[in-house]
Amino acid sequence: NLVAVISDGSAVLGLGDIGPHGAMPVMEGKAMLFKHFADIDAVPIVLDVHDTEGIISAIKAIAPSFGGINLEDIAAPKCFEIEERLKAELNIPVMHDDQHGTAIVTLAGLINAAKVTGRNLDDTRIVVVGAGAAGTAIVKLLSLYTDAEIIAVDSKGIISQDRSDINEEKRALLNYTNPENINGSLEHALTSADIFIGVSKAGLLTREMIKIMSHDPIIFAMANPEPEILPDLAKEAGAAVVATGRSDFPNQVNNSLGFPGIFRGALDNGVNQITDKHKIAAAEALANLVTEPTASRIIPGPFDEGVVQAVAGVFAKTEEV
């Protein structure tokens, strides 16, 4: 019943690269959430090593003490290789929460936002802005769940085959995005789009951009601590459903809806690999907890009854299939 919460402090939410000492209070808080929500004993660990090989070696050396590894606040692109290698080399569940926790809760919210606006996700155009850890995982999970057209955008514009300035990880996103190989700005990507998902920076989305989207667009402005656009401004511009990463607005996309139940389910069922099937089932379970979704309630709150049990329960069901 023991999980390690591990960071090198290179990408702490809202603070950036603040190093291991600065990251420690965040890891302690995460460990408390594990205990509070899922009764999992979690140990906060910060590493004063920042290269990929060093982080992997350190985690492998201490892994025998733990039943699971929660990677936290490790910068992209190294976070992708670190998680991939640890999953392959360890026989316990390993999850980078900034990627997959965010993707799971985002998908849960989108399932219900589509219901509220009368959309079939398969027929939508989704623009994901921010191609770091969270944005990459969101794109991949959405592409597994839906046949929607997905466009990924970074600080330089639409990620396309014609871009020579993108790294290997961003180029890999083209396996899931931009089937027409369009180029251009965020505005071009958003023209007639149905859904905006932002994991980028404050103030990036303007009212004018929302107005060029399709009718009743869905806006997930999840930059922290300040969203890409404030909910009231988004609604004034015509947004039908707005979600953010903030607890003081409705529809908070909060990772604490995901990771406690994910690890509870994995530990209870002896699961050593958290798969895409688990993630999609977890998102559907979260969406189903909101029996009558509305524009102001598309996802449950982290303190709602039954959240951890619903997410953990998918591991027993998925293993039986």
Protein backbone atom coordinates (compact mmCIF):
# COMPACT_ATOMS: atom_id res chain seq x y z
CA ASN A 1 0.00 0.00 0.00
CA LEU A 2 3.01 2.25 -0.50
CA VAL A 3 3.51 4.66 -3.43
CA ALA A 4 6.48 6.94 -4.10
CA VAL A 5 5.71 10.48 -5.32
CA ILE A 6 8.89 11.42 -7.19
CA SER A 7 10.04 14.68 -8.82
CA ASP A 8 13.21 16.46 -9.84
CA GLY A 9 11.40 19.81 -9.56
CA SER A 10 11.96 20.67 -13.22
CA ALA A 11 8.34 21.51 -14.13
CA VAL A 12 6.31 22.39 -11.03
CA LEU A 13 2.79 23.55 -11.92
CA GLY A 14 2.65 27.32 -12.19
CA LEU A 15 6.24 27.68 -10.95
CA GLY A 16 8.42 25.96 -13.55
CA ASP A 17 11.94 24.68 -12.85
CA ILE A 18 12.31 25.40 -9.14
CA GLY A 19 14.51 22.43 -8.28
CA PRO A 20 14.10 19.66 -5.71
CA HIS A 21 13.94 21.82 -2.59
CA GLY A 22 11.22 24.03 -4.02
CA ALA A 23 9.27 21.00 -5.22
CA MET A 24 9.24 19.18 -1.88
CA PRO A 25 6.14 20.91 -0.41
CA VAL A 26 4.22 20.06 -3.59
CA MET A 27 5.20 16.39 -3.30
CA GLU A 28 4.21 16.39 0.38
CA GLY A 29 0.81 17.79 -0.58
CA LYS A 30 0.39 15.12 -3.23
CA ALA A 31 1.24 12.41 -0.69
CA MET A 32 -1.43 13.80 1.64
CA LEU A 33 -4.01 13.63 -1.17
CA PHE A 34 -3.15 9.97 -1.76
CA LYS A 35 -3.81 9.26 1.92
CA HIS A 36 -6.94 11.40 2.21
CA PHE A 37 -8.73 10.19 -0.90
CA ALA A 38 -7.51 6.60 -1.32
CA ASP A 39 -5.93 5.63 2.03
CA ILE A 40 -2.63 5.01 0.21
CA ASP A 41 0.57 5.64 2.13
CA ALA A 42 2.69 7.84 -0.13
CA VAL A 43 6.27 8.98 0.35
CA PRO A 44 7.37 12.31 -1.17
CA ILE A 45 10.81 12.03 -2.81
CA VAL A 46 12.75 14.75 -4.62
CA LEU A 47 15.84 13.99 -6.67
CA ASP A 48 18.79 16.35 -7.05
CA VAL A 49 19.57 14.88 -10.43
CA HIS A 50 18.14 16.15 -13.70
CA ASP A 51 19.40 14.01 -16.56
CA THR A 52 17.22 11.21 -17.88
CA GLU A 53 19.63 8.36 -17.09
CA GLY A 54 20.31 9.64 -13.58
CA ILE A 55 16.60 9.90 -12.75
CA ILE A 56 15.86 6.43 -14.14
CA SER A 57 18.77 4.88 -12.20
CA ALA A 58 17.74 6.55 -8.93
CA ILE A 59 14.12 5.43 -9.23
CA LYS A 60 15.05 1.87 -10.20
CA ALA A 61 17.33 1.68 -7.17
CA ILE A 62 14.55 2.55 -4.69
CA ALA A 63 11.65 0.88 -6.53
CA PRO A 64 11.77 -2.39 -4.52
CA SER A 65 10.50 -0.43 -1.49
CA PHE A 66 7.26 0.58 -3.22
CA GLY A 67 4.09 -0.85 -4.74
CA GLY A 68 3.79 1.97 -7.28
CA ILE A 69 5.58 5.05 -8.63
CA ASN A 70 3.82 8.39 -9.24
CA LEU A 71 6.07 10.63 -11.34
CA GLU A 72 5.38 14.31 -10.80
CA ASP A 73 6.48 17.66 -12.21
CA ILE A 74 9.24 16.33 -14.48
CA ALA A 75 9.77 18.47 -17.57
CA ALA A 76 9.01 17.43 -21.14
CA PRO A 77 10.48 15.93 -23.23
CA LYS A 78 12.56 13.86 -20.76
CA CYS A 79 9.41 12.86 -18.84
CA PHE A 80 8.27 10.72 -21.79
CA GLU A 81 11.38 8.55 -21.94
CA ILE A 82 11.63 8.31 -18.14
CA GLU A 83 8.09 6.98 -17.81
CA GLU A 84 8.35 4.69 -20.83
CA ARG A 85 11.58 3.09 -19.65
CA LEU A 86 10.45 2.68 -16.05
CA LYS A 87 7.20 1.04 -17.19
CA ALA A 88 9.21 -1.40 -19.28
CA GLU A 89 11.83 -2.15 -16.64
CA LEU A 90 9.83 -2.27 -13.39
CA ASN A 91 7.09 -4.72 -12.43
CA ILE A 92 5.01 -2.18 -10.49
CA PRO A 93 2.60 0.49 -11.82
CA VAL A 94 4.34 3.69 -12.93
CA MET A 95 2.39 6.80 -13.96
CA HIS A 96 3.42 10.35 -14.80
CA ASP A 97 0.38 12.13 -13.40
CA ASP A 98 0.94 15.41 -15.25
CA GLN A 99 0.39 13.46 -18.46
CA HIS A 100 -2.18 10.81 -17.75
CA GLY A 101 -4.10 12.16 -14.77
CA THR A 102 -4.77 15.33 -16.75
CA ALA A 103 -5.73 13.38 -19.88
CA ILE A 104 -8.15 11.10 -18.01
CA VAL A 105 -10.02 13.95 -16.31
CA THR A 106 -10.04 16.01 -19.52
CA LEU A 107 -11.62 13.14 -21.45
CA ALA A 108 -14.21 12.65 -18.68
CA GLY A 109 -15.18 16.31 -18.93
CA LEU A 110 -15.31 16.23 -22.73
CA ILE A 111 -17.62 13.21 -22.78
CA ASN A 112 -20.18 15.18 -20.78
CA ALA A 113 -19.52 18.53 -22.48
CA ALA A 114 -20.36 16.83 -25.78
CA LYS A 115 -23.65 15.59 -24.28
CA VAL A 116 -24.52 19.08 -23.00
CA THR A 117 -23.94 20.65 -26.42
CA GLY A 118 -25.57 17.82 -28.38
CA ARG A 119 -22.39 16.74 -30.12
CA ASN A 120 -20.97 13.39 -31.14
CA LEU A 121 -17.25 13.64 -30.32
CA ASP A 122 -16.42 11.63 -33.45
CA ASP A 123 -17.76 14.48 -35.59
CA THR A 124 -15.88 17.30 -33.87
CA ARG A 125 -12.72 19.26 -34.54
CA ILE A 126 -10.57 19.56 -31.41
CA VAL A 127 -7.68 22.01 -31.05
CA VAL A 128 -5.17 21.13 -28.31
CA VAL A 129 -2.86 24.03 -27.44
CA GLY A 130 0.34 23.18 -25.59
CA ALA A 131 2.42 20.20 -26.67
CA GLY A 132 4.22 19.40 -23.44
CA ALA A 133 3.50 16.55 -21.04
CA ALA A 134 -0.23 17.17 -20.56
CA GLY A 135 -1.00 18.20 -24.14
CA THR A 136 0.75 15.17 -25.60
CA ALA A 137 -1.10 12.73 -23.34
CA ILE A 138 -4.45 14.43 -24.02
CA VAL A 139 -3.93 14.13 -27.78
CA LYS A 140 -3.02 10.45 -27.53
CA LEU A 141 -5.94 9.51 -25.26
CA LEU A 142 -8.46 11.48 -27.36
CA SER A 143 -7.20 9.80 -30.53
CA LEU A 144 -7.80 6.38 -28.97
CA TYR A 145 -11.28 7.32 -27.76
CA THR A 146 -12.69 9.28 -30.68
CA ASP A 147 -12.40 9.72 -34.45
CA ALA A 148 -12.48 13.51 -34.04
CA GLU A 149 -10.13 15.63 -36.12
CA ILE A 150 -7.42 16.77 -33.69
CA ILE A 151 -5.06 19.68 -34.33
CA ALA A 152 -2.09 20.24 -31.99
CA VAL A 153 -0.69 23.75 -31.61
CA ASP A 154 2.47 24.92 -29.85
CA SER A 155 3.93 28.39 -29.29
CA LYS A 156 5.01 28.57 -32.94
CA GLY A 157 1.65 27.54 -34.44
CA ILE A 158 0.05 24.39 -35.83
CA ILE A 159 2.23 21.27 -35.59
CA SER A 160 2.52 20.02 -39.16
CA GLN A 161 4.73 17.85 -41.38
CA ASP A 162 6.22 21.03 -42.85
CA ARG A 163 7.68 22.26 -39.56
CA SER A 164 11.45 21.74 -39.30
CA ASP A 165 11.69 23.19 -35.78
CA ILE A 166 9.81 20.46 -33.85
CA ASN A 167 11.39 17.80 -31.66
CA GLU A 168 10.91 14.06 -31.98
CA GLU A 169 8.03 13.97 -29.48
CA LYS A 170 6.08 16.70 -31.28
CA ARG A 171 6.71 15.02 -34.63
CA ALA A 172 5.26 11.81 -33.18
CA LEU A 173 2.03 13.73 -32.46
CA LEU A 174 1.46 13.89 -36.21
CA ASN A 175 0.55 10.19 -36.04
CA TYR A 176 -2.63 11.33 -34.25
CA THR A 177 -3.20 14.90 -35.46
CA ASN A 178 -3.54 17.22 -38.44
CA PRO A 179 -4.61 14.70 -41.10
CA GLU A 180 -4.93 17.46 -43.73
CA ASN A 181 -1.44 18.80 -42.86
CA ILE A 182 -2.64 22.38 -42.45
CA ASN A 183 -0.21 25.11 -41.41
CA GLY A 184 -0.63 28.43 -39.69
CA SER A 185 -1.55 30.16 -36.48
CA LEU A 186 -3.79 29.27 -33.55
CA GLU A 187 -6.51 31.43 -35.15
CA HIS A 188 -6.35 29.35 -38.32
CA ALA A 189 -6.61 26.12 -36.30
CA LEU A 190 -9.63 27.44 -34.37
CA THR A 191 -11.64 28.48 -37.43
CA SER A 192 -14.87 26.42 -37.21
CA ALA A 193 -13.39 24.21 -34.46
CA ASP A 194 -15.79 22.76 -31.88
CA ILE A 195 -13.47 22.30 -28.92
CA PHE A 196 -10.48 24.22 -27.50
CA ILE A 197 -8.27 22.43 -24.97
CA GLY A 198 -5.56 24.65 -23.52
CA VAL A 199 -2.63 23.46 -21.43
CA SER A 200 -0.49 26.41 -22.35
CA LYS A 201 -0.34 29.89 -20.84
CA ALA A 202 -2.51 32.64 -19.40
CA GLY A 203 -4.48 34.92 -21.70
CA LEU A 204 -3.67 33.01 -24.89
CA LEU A 205 -7.30 32.66 -26.02
CA THR A 206 -9.21 35.82 -26.93
CA ARG A 207 -12.93 36.45 -27.31
CA GLU A 208 -12.35 37.07 -31.01
CA MET A 209 -10.88 33.57 -31.38
CA ILE A 210 -13.91 31.98 -29.73
CA LYS A 211 -16.19 33.87 -32.10
CA ILE A 212 -14.59 32.20 -35.15
CA MET A 213 -15.19 28.73 -33.70
CA SER A 214 -18.33 26.71 -34.41
CA HIS A 215 -21.67 27.37 -32.70
CA ASP A 216 -21.71 26.70 -28.92
CA PRO A 217 -18.01 25.85 -28.65
CA ILE A 218 -16.52 23.92 -25.72
CA ILE A 219 -13.60 25.67 -23.99
CA PHE A 220 -11.21 23.85 -21.63
CA ALA A 221 -8.82 26.63 -20.53
CA MET A 222 -6.60 24.68 -18.13
CA ALA A 223 -3.43 26.77 -17.79
CA ASN A 224 -2.56 27.31 -14.13
CA PRO A 225 -2.70 29.49 -12.13
CA GLU A 226 -4.29 31.77 -14.76
CA PRO A 227 -6.36 30.15 -17.55
CA GLU A 228 -6.05 30.92 -21.27
CA ILE A 229 -9.29 32.89 -20.90
CA LEU A 230 -11.49 33.59 -17.88
CA PRO A 231 -14.84 31.75 -17.91
CA ASP A 232 -17.02 34.88 -17.94
CA LEU A 233 -15.14 36.28 -20.95
CA ALA A 234 -15.39 32.93 -22.76
CA LYS A 235 -19.13 32.78 -22.15
CA GLU A 236 -19.61 36.37 -23.32
CA ALA A 237 -17.93 35.33 -26.59
CA GLY A 238 -20.35 32.43 -27.05
CA ALA A 239 -18.79 29.45 -25.26
CA ALA A 240 -21.44 26.91 -24.22
CA VAL A 241 -19.30 24.98 -21.71
CA VAL A 242 -16.15 26.23 -19.98
CA ALA A 243 -13.77 24.24 -17.79
CA THR A 244 -10.53 25.38 -16.13
CA GLY A 245 -7.89 24.01 -13.78
CA ARG A 246 -9.07 26.33 -11.01
CA SER A 247 -11.11 25.35 -7.97
CA ASP A 248 -12.83 28.76 -7.76
CA PHE A 249 -14.63 28.23 -11.10
CA PRO A 250 -17.14 25.52 -12.06
CA ASN A 251 -15.90 22.43 -13.94
CA GLN A 252 -12.44 22.14 -12.43
CA VAL A 253 -10.30 19.64 -14.35
CA ASN A 254 -8.50 18.34 -11.28
CA ASN A 255 -6.04 15.44 -11.36
CA SER A 256 -7.12 14.43 -7.86
CA LEU A 257 -10.22 12.96 -9.53
CA GLY A 258 -7.88 10.47 -11.21
CA PHE A 259 -4.66 9.45 -9.51
CA PRO A 260 -6.01 8.27 -6.11
CA GLY A 261 -8.45 5.83 -7.73
CA ILE A 262 -5.95 4.79 -10.41
CA PHE A 263 -3.37 3.69 -7.86
CA ARG A 264 -5.99 2.27 -5.46
CA GLY A 265 -7.33 0.09 -8.27
CA ALA A 266 -3.88 -0.93 -9.50
CA LEU A 267 -2.65 -1.88 -6.01
CA ASP A 268 -5.83 -3.74 -5.04
CA ASN A 269 -5.87 -5.78 -8.25
CA GLY A 270 -2.15 -6.52 -8.54
CA VAL A 271 -1.91 -4.57 -11.80
CA ASN A 272 1.65 -3.69 -12.79
CA GLN A 273 0.86 -1.77 -16.00
CA ILE A 274 -1.61 1.12 -16.19
CA THR A 275 -2.84 0.77 -19.78
CA ASP A 276 -4.74 2.98 -22.22
CA LYS A 277 -7.74 0.70 -21.67
CA HIS A 278 -7.61 1.51 -17.93
CA LYS A 279 -7.35 5.25 -18.64
CA ILE A 280 -10.35 5.31 -20.99
CA ALA A 281 -12.42 3.20 -18.57
CA ALA A 282 -11.47 5.57 -15.74
CA ALA A 283 -12.55 8.60 -17.80
CA GLU A 284 -15.88 6.95 -18.62
CA ALA A 285 -16.41 6.04 -14.96
CA LEU A 286 -15.81 9.66 -13.92
CA ALA A 287 -18.15 10.97 -16.63
CA ASN A 288 -20.87 8.53 -15.54
CA LEU A 289 -20.79 9.88 -11.98
CA VAL A 290 -22.50 13.02 -13.31
CA THR A 291 -25.90 11.55 -14.15
CA GLU A 292 -27.39 14.76 -15.58
CA PRO A 293 -24.55 16.92 -16.89
CA THR A 294 -25.15 20.65 -17.32
CA ALA A 295 -22.98 23.48 -18.63
CA SER A 296 -21.82 24.20 -15.07
CA ARG A 297 -21.38 20.57 -14.01
CA ILE A 298 -19.67 18.22 -16.44
CA ILE A 299 -17.31 16.51 -14.01
CA PRO A 300 -17.63 15.50 -10.36
CA GLY A 301 -15.77 17.37 -7.64
CA PRO A 302 -12.82 15.63 -5.96
CA PHE A 303 -14.75 15.46 -2.68
CA ASP A 304 -17.85 13.90 -4.25
CA GLU A 305 -18.80 10.52 -2.88
CA GLY A 306 -17.78 7.48 -4.88
CA VAL A 307 -15.07 9.05 -7.06
CA VAL A 308 -12.16 6.87 -5.91
CA GLN A 309 -14.32 3.73 -5.85
CA ALA A 310 -15.59 4.35 -9.39
CA VAL A 311 -12.10 4.86 -10.81
CA ALA A 312 -10.54 2.00 -8.82
CA GLY A 313 -13.38 -0.29 -9.87
CA VAL A 314 -12.38 -0.15 -13.53
CA PHE A 315 -9.22 -2.12 -12.75
CA ALA A 316 -11.16 -5.14 -11.52
CA LYS A 317 -13.49 -4.96 -14.53
CA THR A 318 -10.71 -4.37 -17.07
CA GLU A 319 -8.67 -7.27 -15.73
CA GLU A 320 -11.68 -9.58 -16.09
CA VAL A 321 -12.16 -8.72 -19.78
